[in-house]
N, C-alpha and C. Protein backbone atom coordinates (compact mmCIF):
# COMPACT_ATOMS: atom_id res chain seq x y z
N MET A 1 -46.85 168.55 -9.15
CA MET A 1 -46.96 169.25 -10.41
C MET A 1 -48.33 169.94 -10.48
N ARG A 2 -48.34 171.18 -10.92
CA ARG A 2 -49.60 171.90 -11.01
C ARG A 2 -50.37 171.52 -12.27
N ASP A 3 -51.67 171.73 -12.20
CA ASP A 3 -52.52 171.49 -13.37
C ASP A 3 -52.19 172.49 -14.45
N ILE A 4 -52.22 172.04 -15.68
CA ILE A 4 -52.05 172.94 -16.82
C ILE A 4 -53.44 173.15 -17.40
N LYS A 5 -53.97 174.35 -17.23
CA LYS A 5 -55.31 174.67 -17.70
C LYS A 5 -55.26 175.98 -18.46
N CYS A 6 -56.16 176.14 -19.39
CA CYS A 6 -56.28 177.39 -20.14
C CYS A 6 -57.75 177.70 -20.34
N ARG A 7 -58.01 178.95 -20.63
CA ARG A 7 -59.34 179.35 -21.10
C ARG A 7 -59.10 180.23 -22.32
N ALA A 8 -59.96 180.12 -23.28
CA ALA A 8 -59.77 180.83 -24.55
C ALA A 8 -60.95 181.74 -24.83
N TRP A 9 -60.67 182.82 -25.55
CA TRP A 9 -61.67 183.84 -25.84
C TRP A 9 -61.67 184.16 -27.33
N LYS A 10 -62.85 184.36 -27.86
CA LYS A 10 -63.02 184.76 -29.25
C LYS A 10 -63.73 186.10 -29.27
N LYS A 11 -63.18 187.04 -30.02
CA LYS A 11 -63.79 188.37 -30.13
C LYS A 11 -64.93 188.29 -31.15
N MET A 12 -66.09 188.72 -30.73
CA MET A 12 -67.27 188.68 -31.60
C MET A 12 -67.78 190.11 -31.82
N CYS A 13 -68.23 190.40 -33.00
CA CYS A 13 -68.79 191.71 -33.34
C CYS A 13 -67.77 192.83 -33.08
N GLY A 14 -66.50 192.49 -33.07
CA GLY A 14 -65.47 193.51 -32.95
C GLY A 14 -65.17 194.00 -31.55
N PHE A 15 -65.97 193.62 -30.54
CA PHE A 15 -65.70 194.17 -29.21
C PHE A 15 -65.95 193.21 -28.05
N ALA A 16 -66.88 192.30 -28.15
CA ALA A 16 -67.23 191.44 -27.01
C ALA A 16 -66.47 190.12 -27.12
N PHE A 17 -65.96 189.65 -25.98
CA PHE A 17 -65.26 188.37 -25.94
C PHE A 17 -66.20 187.30 -25.42
N PHE A 18 -66.15 186.13 -26.03
CA PHE A 18 -66.93 184.99 -25.58
C PHE A 18 -65.99 183.83 -25.30
N ARG A 19 -66.24 183.13 -24.21
CA ARG A 19 -65.39 182.01 -23.82
C ARG A 19 -65.62 180.83 -24.77
N LEU A 20 -64.52 180.27 -25.24
CA LEU A 20 -64.58 179.10 -26.11
C LEU A 20 -64.48 177.83 -25.28
N GLY A 21 -65.12 176.77 -25.73
CA GLY A 21 -64.97 175.49 -25.08
C GLY A 21 -63.67 174.84 -25.52
N ILE A 22 -62.78 174.57 -24.58
CA ILE A 22 -61.53 173.91 -24.92
C ILE A 22 -61.36 172.67 -24.06
N LYS A 23 -60.65 171.70 -24.59
CA LYS A 23 -60.43 170.44 -23.87
C LYS A 23 -58.95 170.11 -23.92
N PRO A 24 -58.39 169.68 -22.78
CA PRO A 24 -57.00 169.22 -22.81
C PRO A 24 -56.90 167.87 -23.50
N MET A 25 -55.83 167.67 -24.25
CA MET A 25 -55.63 166.43 -24.98
C MET A 25 -54.30 165.79 -24.57
N TRP A 26 -54.26 164.49 -24.59
CA TRP A 26 -53.04 163.74 -24.33
C TRP A 26 -53.02 162.57 -25.29
N ASN A 27 -52.06 162.57 -26.21
CA ASN A 27 -51.96 161.53 -27.24
C ASN A 27 -53.26 161.39 -28.02
N GLY A 28 -53.90 162.51 -28.30
CA GLY A 28 -55.11 162.50 -29.11
C GLY A 28 -56.38 162.13 -28.37
N GLU A 29 -56.29 161.83 -27.08
CA GLU A 29 -57.45 161.46 -26.30
C GLU A 29 -57.75 162.55 -25.26
N TYR A 30 -59.02 162.76 -24.98
CA TYR A 30 -59.39 163.72 -23.94
C TYR A 30 -58.86 163.24 -22.59
N SER A 31 -58.29 164.15 -21.82
CA SER A 31 -57.73 163.78 -20.53
C SER A 31 -57.94 164.88 -19.52
N GLU A 32 -58.40 164.55 -18.33
CA GLU A 32 -58.56 165.52 -17.25
C GLU A 32 -57.21 165.86 -16.63
N ASN A 33 -56.25 164.96 -16.68
CA ASN A 33 -55.01 165.12 -15.95
C ASN A 33 -53.85 165.67 -16.76
N HIS A 34 -53.93 165.61 -18.07
CA HIS A 34 -52.82 166.09 -18.89
C HIS A 34 -53.32 167.19 -19.80
N GLY A 35 -52.68 168.33 -19.75
CA GLY A 35 -53.14 169.46 -20.55
C GLY A 35 -52.07 170.01 -21.45
N TYR A 36 -51.35 169.16 -22.13
CA TYR A 36 -50.23 169.63 -22.94
C TYR A 36 -50.65 170.18 -24.29
N TYR A 37 -51.81 169.83 -24.75
CA TYR A 37 -52.35 170.37 -25.99
C TYR A 37 -53.83 170.60 -25.78
N PHE A 38 -54.32 171.72 -26.26
CA PHE A 38 -55.73 172.05 -26.07
C PHE A 38 -56.41 172.20 -27.42
N THR A 39 -57.51 171.48 -27.61
CA THR A 39 -58.29 171.67 -28.82
C THR A 39 -59.23 172.84 -28.59
N GLY A 40 -59.55 173.55 -29.62
CA GLY A 40 -60.47 174.68 -29.52
C GLY A 40 -59.78 176.02 -29.41
N VAL A 41 -58.45 176.04 -29.27
CA VAL A 41 -57.76 177.34 -29.12
C VAL A 41 -57.25 177.88 -30.46
N GLU A 42 -57.30 177.06 -31.50
CA GLU A 42 -56.74 177.51 -32.77
C GLU A 42 -57.48 178.72 -33.34
N ASN A 43 -58.74 178.93 -32.98
CA ASN A 43 -59.51 180.09 -33.46
C ASN A 43 -59.64 181.18 -32.40
N ALA A 44 -58.92 181.03 -31.31
CA ALA A 44 -59.04 181.99 -30.21
C ALA A 44 -58.27 183.27 -30.50
N ASP A 45 -58.81 184.38 -30.02
CA ASP A 45 -58.10 185.66 -30.09
C ASP A 45 -57.22 185.87 -28.87
N LYS A 46 -57.62 185.32 -27.74
CA LYS A 46 -56.87 185.43 -26.48
C LYS A 46 -56.91 184.08 -25.77
N VAL A 47 -55.80 183.71 -25.15
CA VAL A 47 -55.74 182.50 -24.35
C VAL A 47 -55.12 182.87 -23.01
N ASP A 48 -55.79 182.51 -21.93
CA ASP A 48 -55.31 182.78 -20.57
C ASP A 48 -54.91 181.48 -19.91
N GLN A 49 -53.74 181.47 -19.28
CA GLN A 49 -53.24 180.27 -18.62
C GLN A 49 -53.51 180.32 -17.12
N PHE A 50 -53.78 179.16 -16.54
CA PHE A 50 -53.95 178.99 -15.10
C PHE A 50 -52.61 179.24 -14.42
N THR A 51 -52.61 180.01 -13.33
CA THR A 51 -51.36 180.34 -12.63
C THR A 51 -50.92 179.27 -11.65
N GLY A 52 -51.83 178.38 -11.29
CA GLY A 52 -51.51 177.36 -10.29
C GLY A 52 -51.98 177.74 -8.90
N LEU A 53 -52.48 178.96 -8.73
CA LEU A 53 -52.94 179.41 -7.42
C LEU A 53 -54.44 179.66 -7.42
N LYS A 54 -55.01 179.63 -6.23
CA LYS A 54 -56.44 179.92 -6.04
C LYS A 54 -56.57 181.12 -5.12
N ASP A 55 -57.69 181.83 -5.23
CA ASP A 55 -57.93 182.98 -4.37
C ASP A 55 -58.52 182.53 -3.03
N LYS A 56 -58.95 183.49 -2.21
CA LYS A 56 -59.45 183.17 -0.87
C LYS A 56 -60.75 182.36 -0.89
N ASN A 57 -61.44 182.35 -2.03
CA ASN A 57 -62.68 181.57 -2.17
C ASN A 57 -62.46 180.25 -2.89
N GLY A 58 -61.21 179.92 -3.19
CA GLY A 58 -60.90 178.68 -3.88
C GLY A 58 -61.08 178.75 -5.39
N VAL A 59 -61.19 179.96 -5.95
CA VAL A 59 -61.36 180.15 -7.38
C VAL A 59 -59.99 180.12 -8.06
N ASP A 60 -59.87 179.37 -9.15
CA ASP A 60 -58.62 179.32 -9.91
C ASP A 60 -58.28 180.70 -10.43
N SER A 61 -56.99 181.05 -10.37
CA SER A 61 -56.55 182.35 -10.90
C SER A 61 -55.88 182.15 -12.25
N TYR A 62 -56.28 182.97 -13.21
CA TYR A 62 -55.77 182.92 -14.58
C TYR A 62 -55.17 184.26 -14.96
N HIS A 63 -54.31 184.21 -15.97
CA HIS A 63 -53.80 185.43 -16.60
C HIS A 63 -55.01 186.27 -17.01
N SER A 64 -54.96 187.57 -16.82
CA SER A 64 -56.01 188.53 -17.17
C SER A 64 -57.16 188.60 -16.17
N ASP A 65 -57.05 187.93 -15.03
CA ASP A 65 -58.07 188.05 -13.99
C ASP A 65 -57.92 189.37 -13.25
N LEU A 66 -59.04 189.94 -12.86
CA LEU A 66 -59.07 191.13 -12.02
C LEU A 66 -59.30 190.69 -10.58
N CYS A 67 -58.51 191.23 -9.67
CA CYS A 67 -58.57 190.82 -8.27
C CYS A 67 -58.64 192.05 -7.38
N VAL A 68 -59.17 191.85 -6.19
CA VAL A 68 -59.13 192.87 -5.15
C VAL A 68 -58.20 192.39 -4.06
N HIS A 69 -57.22 193.20 -3.73
CA HIS A 69 -56.32 192.92 -2.61
C HIS A 69 -56.76 193.83 -1.47
N SER A 70 -57.23 193.23 -0.37
CA SER A 70 -57.68 193.98 0.80
C SER A 70 -56.69 193.81 1.93
N TYR A 71 -56.38 194.90 2.60
CA TYR A 71 -55.46 194.83 3.74
C TYR A 71 -55.73 196.00 4.69
N GLU A 72 -55.32 195.82 5.92
CA GLU A 72 -55.51 196.83 6.96
C GLU A 72 -54.34 197.80 6.99
N VAL A 73 -54.67 199.07 7.14
CA VAL A 73 -53.66 200.11 7.26
C VAL A 73 -53.85 200.79 8.61
N ASP A 74 -52.77 200.97 9.32
CA ASP A 74 -52.81 201.65 10.62
C ASP A 74 -51.65 202.63 10.66
N SER A 75 -51.92 203.87 10.27
CA SER A 75 -50.88 204.89 10.26
C SER A 75 -51.45 206.20 10.79
N ASP A 76 -50.61 207.20 10.89
CA ASP A 76 -51.04 208.52 11.34
C ASP A 76 -51.98 209.18 10.33
N VAL A 77 -51.81 208.83 9.07
CA VAL A 77 -52.59 209.45 8.00
C VAL A 77 -53.92 208.75 7.77
N PHE A 78 -53.92 207.41 7.85
CA PHE A 78 -55.12 206.64 7.52
C PHE A 78 -55.17 205.37 8.35
N CYS A 79 -56.35 205.06 8.85
CA CYS A 79 -56.59 203.79 9.55
C CYS A 79 -57.81 203.13 8.93
N GLY A 80 -57.70 201.86 8.65
CA GLY A 80 -58.84 201.13 8.10
C GLY A 80 -58.43 200.18 7.01
N GLU A 81 -59.44 199.67 6.29
CA GLU A 81 -59.18 198.72 5.22
C GLU A 81 -58.90 199.45 3.93
N LYS A 82 -57.89 199.02 3.24
CA LYS A 82 -57.54 199.58 1.93
C LYS A 82 -57.72 198.47 0.90
N LYS A 83 -58.22 198.82 -0.27
CA LYS A 83 -58.42 197.85 -1.35
C LYS A 83 -57.73 198.35 -2.61
N GLU A 84 -57.09 197.42 -3.28
CA GLU A 84 -56.41 197.71 -4.55
C GLU A 84 -56.99 196.80 -5.62
N LEU A 85 -57.28 197.36 -6.80
CA LEU A 85 -57.72 196.55 -7.94
C LEU A 85 -56.48 196.15 -8.72
N LEU A 86 -56.27 194.83 -8.86
CA LEU A 86 -55.06 194.31 -9.48
C LEU A 86 -55.40 193.41 -10.66
N LEU A 87 -54.44 193.28 -11.55
CA LEU A 87 -54.55 192.44 -12.73
C LEU A 87 -53.47 191.37 -12.65
N ILE A 88 -53.83 190.11 -12.86
CA ILE A 88 -52.84 189.04 -12.91
C ILE A 88 -52.22 189.04 -14.29
N ALA A 89 -50.89 189.07 -14.33
CA ALA A 89 -50.17 189.15 -15.61
C ALA A 89 -48.90 188.32 -15.55
N TRP A 90 -48.34 188.06 -16.72
CA TRP A 90 -47.05 187.37 -16.83
C TRP A 90 -45.98 188.41 -17.04
N ASP A 91 -44.92 188.33 -16.26
CA ASP A 91 -43.78 189.25 -16.36
C ASP A 91 -42.74 188.62 -17.28
N ASP A 92 -42.65 189.10 -18.52
CA ASP A 92 -41.72 188.53 -19.50
C ASP A 92 -40.26 188.74 -19.12
N GLU A 93 -39.96 189.82 -18.45
CA GLU A 93 -38.57 190.11 -18.09
C GLU A 93 -38.04 189.15 -17.02
N ASP A 94 -38.86 188.86 -16.02
CA ASP A 94 -38.42 188.02 -14.91
C ASP A 94 -39.03 186.62 -14.92
N PHE A 95 -39.81 186.30 -15.95
CA PHE A 95 -40.42 184.98 -16.12
C PHE A 95 -41.17 184.54 -14.87
N ARG A 96 -42.17 185.33 -14.50
CA ARG A 96 -42.96 185.02 -13.30
C ARG A 96 -44.35 185.61 -13.43
N TRP A 97 -45.28 185.04 -12.66
CA TRP A 97 -46.62 185.61 -12.54
C TRP A 97 -46.54 186.77 -11.57
N CYS A 98 -47.30 187.81 -11.84
CA CYS A 98 -47.29 188.96 -10.95
C CYS A 98 -48.66 189.62 -10.92
N PHE A 99 -48.82 190.50 -9.95
CA PHE A 99 -49.97 191.40 -9.90
C PHE A 99 -49.51 192.74 -10.44
N ARG A 100 -50.33 193.35 -11.26
CA ARG A 100 -50.07 194.71 -11.77
C ARG A 100 -51.25 195.59 -11.38
N ASP A 101 -50.98 196.87 -11.22
CA ASP A 101 -52.04 197.83 -11.00
C ASP A 101 -52.98 197.76 -12.21
N ALA A 102 -54.26 197.59 -11.98
CA ALA A 102 -55.22 197.39 -13.08
C ALA A 102 -55.39 198.64 -13.95
N PHE A 103 -55.02 199.79 -13.44
CA PHE A 103 -55.23 201.03 -14.19
C PHE A 103 -54.03 201.47 -15.00
N ASN A 104 -52.83 201.39 -14.42
CA ASN A 104 -51.67 201.89 -15.14
C ASN A 104 -50.66 200.80 -15.51
N GLY A 105 -50.90 199.56 -15.09
CA GLY A 105 -50.04 198.45 -15.46
C GLY A 105 -48.74 198.35 -14.68
N ASP A 106 -48.54 199.24 -13.69
CA ASP A 106 -47.31 199.19 -12.89
C ASP A 106 -47.23 197.90 -12.10
N PHE A 107 -46.02 197.40 -11.95
CA PHE A 107 -45.78 196.20 -11.16
C PHE A 107 -46.23 196.44 -9.72
N TYR A 108 -46.96 195.49 -9.14
CA TYR A 108 -47.44 195.61 -7.75
C TYR A 108 -46.67 194.65 -6.85
N CYS A 109 -46.68 193.36 -7.18
CA CYS A 109 -45.90 192.37 -6.45
C CYS A 109 -45.94 191.04 -7.19
N ASN A 110 -45.08 190.13 -6.81
CA ASN A 110 -45.11 188.78 -7.37
C ASN A 110 -46.39 188.10 -6.92
N LEU A 111 -46.91 187.23 -7.75
CA LEU A 111 -48.12 186.49 -7.38
C LEU A 111 -47.89 185.67 -6.11
N ALA A 112 -46.69 185.14 -5.96
CA ALA A 112 -46.37 184.32 -4.79
C ALA A 112 -46.21 185.14 -3.51
N ASP A 113 -46.13 186.47 -3.62
CA ASP A 113 -45.95 187.31 -2.44
C ASP A 113 -47.21 187.48 -1.62
N LEU A 114 -48.37 187.30 -2.23
CA LEU A 114 -49.63 187.42 -1.51
C LEU A 114 -50.16 186.04 -1.17
N LYS A 115 -50.65 185.89 0.03
CA LYS A 115 -51.31 184.64 0.41
C LYS A 115 -52.66 184.59 -0.31
N SER A 116 -53.13 183.38 -0.56
CA SER A 116 -54.41 183.25 -1.27
C SER A 116 -55.55 183.87 -0.48
N THR A 117 -55.39 184.02 0.84
CA THR A 117 -56.44 184.63 1.66
C THR A 117 -56.45 186.15 1.53
N GLU A 118 -55.45 186.72 0.83
CA GLU A 118 -55.35 188.17 0.73
C GLU A 118 -55.89 188.75 -0.57
N PHE A 119 -56.32 187.90 -1.50
CA PHE A 119 -56.89 188.45 -2.74
C PHE A 119 -58.12 187.66 -3.15
N GLU A 120 -59.00 188.35 -3.87
CA GLU A 120 -60.24 187.75 -4.34
C GLU A 120 -60.43 188.09 -5.81
N ILE A 121 -60.67 187.09 -6.61
CA ILE A 121 -60.92 187.30 -8.04
C ILE A 121 -62.35 187.79 -8.21
N ILE A 122 -62.50 188.90 -8.91
CA ILE A 122 -63.84 189.48 -9.11
C ILE A 122 -64.26 189.47 -10.57
N GLY A 123 -63.39 189.01 -11.46
CA GLY A 123 -63.72 188.96 -12.88
C GLY A 123 -62.46 188.87 -13.71
N ASN A 124 -62.60 189.25 -14.98
CA ASN A 124 -61.44 189.27 -15.87
C ASN A 124 -61.62 190.41 -16.87
N ILE A 125 -60.54 190.77 -17.54
CA ILE A 125 -60.60 191.94 -18.43
C ILE A 125 -61.43 191.69 -19.68
N HIS A 126 -61.67 190.43 -20.03
CA HIS A 126 -62.44 190.13 -21.24
C HIS A 126 -63.94 190.26 -21.01
N GLU A 127 -64.41 189.78 -19.87
CA GLU A 127 -65.85 189.80 -19.59
C GLU A 127 -66.26 190.97 -18.70
N ASN A 128 -65.34 191.52 -17.94
CA ASN A 128 -65.71 192.49 -16.90
C ASN A 128 -64.89 193.78 -16.95
N SER A 129 -64.66 194.33 -18.12
CA SER A 129 -63.89 195.57 -18.22
C SER A 129 -64.58 196.72 -17.49
N GLU A 130 -65.89 196.61 -17.29
CA GLU A 130 -66.62 197.66 -16.57
C GLU A 130 -66.18 197.75 -15.11
N LEU A 131 -65.59 196.69 -14.56
CA LEU A 131 -65.11 196.75 -13.18
C LEU A 131 -64.01 197.79 -13.01
N MET A 132 -63.17 197.92 -14.00
CA MET A 132 -62.11 198.92 -13.93
C MET A 132 -62.70 200.32 -14.00
N GLU A 133 -63.72 200.51 -14.82
CA GLU A 133 -64.37 201.81 -14.92
C GLU A 133 -65.11 202.15 -13.65
N ALA A 134 -65.79 201.16 -13.04
CA ALA A 134 -66.52 201.39 -11.80
C ALA A 134 -65.57 201.77 -10.67
N GLU A 135 -64.41 201.12 -10.60
CA GLU A 135 -63.43 201.43 -9.56
C GLU A 135 -62.88 202.84 -9.73
N ARG A 136 -62.76 203.30 -10.95
CA ARG A 136 -62.26 204.65 -11.22
C ARG A 136 -63.32 205.71 -10.95
N GLY A 137 -64.57 205.29 -10.88
CA GLY A 137 -65.66 206.24 -10.69
C GLY A 137 -66.18 206.76 -12.00
N VAL A 138 -65.88 206.07 -13.10
CA VAL A 138 -66.35 206.49 -14.42
C VAL A 138 -67.70 205.84 -14.67
N ASP A 139 -68.63 206.60 -15.22
CA ASP A 139 -69.95 206.05 -15.55
C ASP A 139 -70.02 205.60 -16.98
């Protein structure tokens, strides 16, 4: 059984998100192993759930994380490493975790389709929205 973990965010001053301290509870007692109820999320504006997978550096992956997928391309048009900026999201239609293109939201692949060695978490949309702008070349 995978760990049930969440992280919560509160919007402050209308634009910046700050991580809230949350604790998993089991029968009213703090528990490291059971995360069926979390205290501290009742005032949250956003809650991100742990997907159950880790990236190539062993970092837990959560909903709303920004990742880089790196892979080698060898074709007549291009040879070398290609990188894609992806967003971890929940697919409501198919009830699964997936990667989406971070810029246009298009479906990229199921989360389970990439090996953990093929993606690296570089931030999340709440704390690091500038990563999407930097990738686009926007100042």
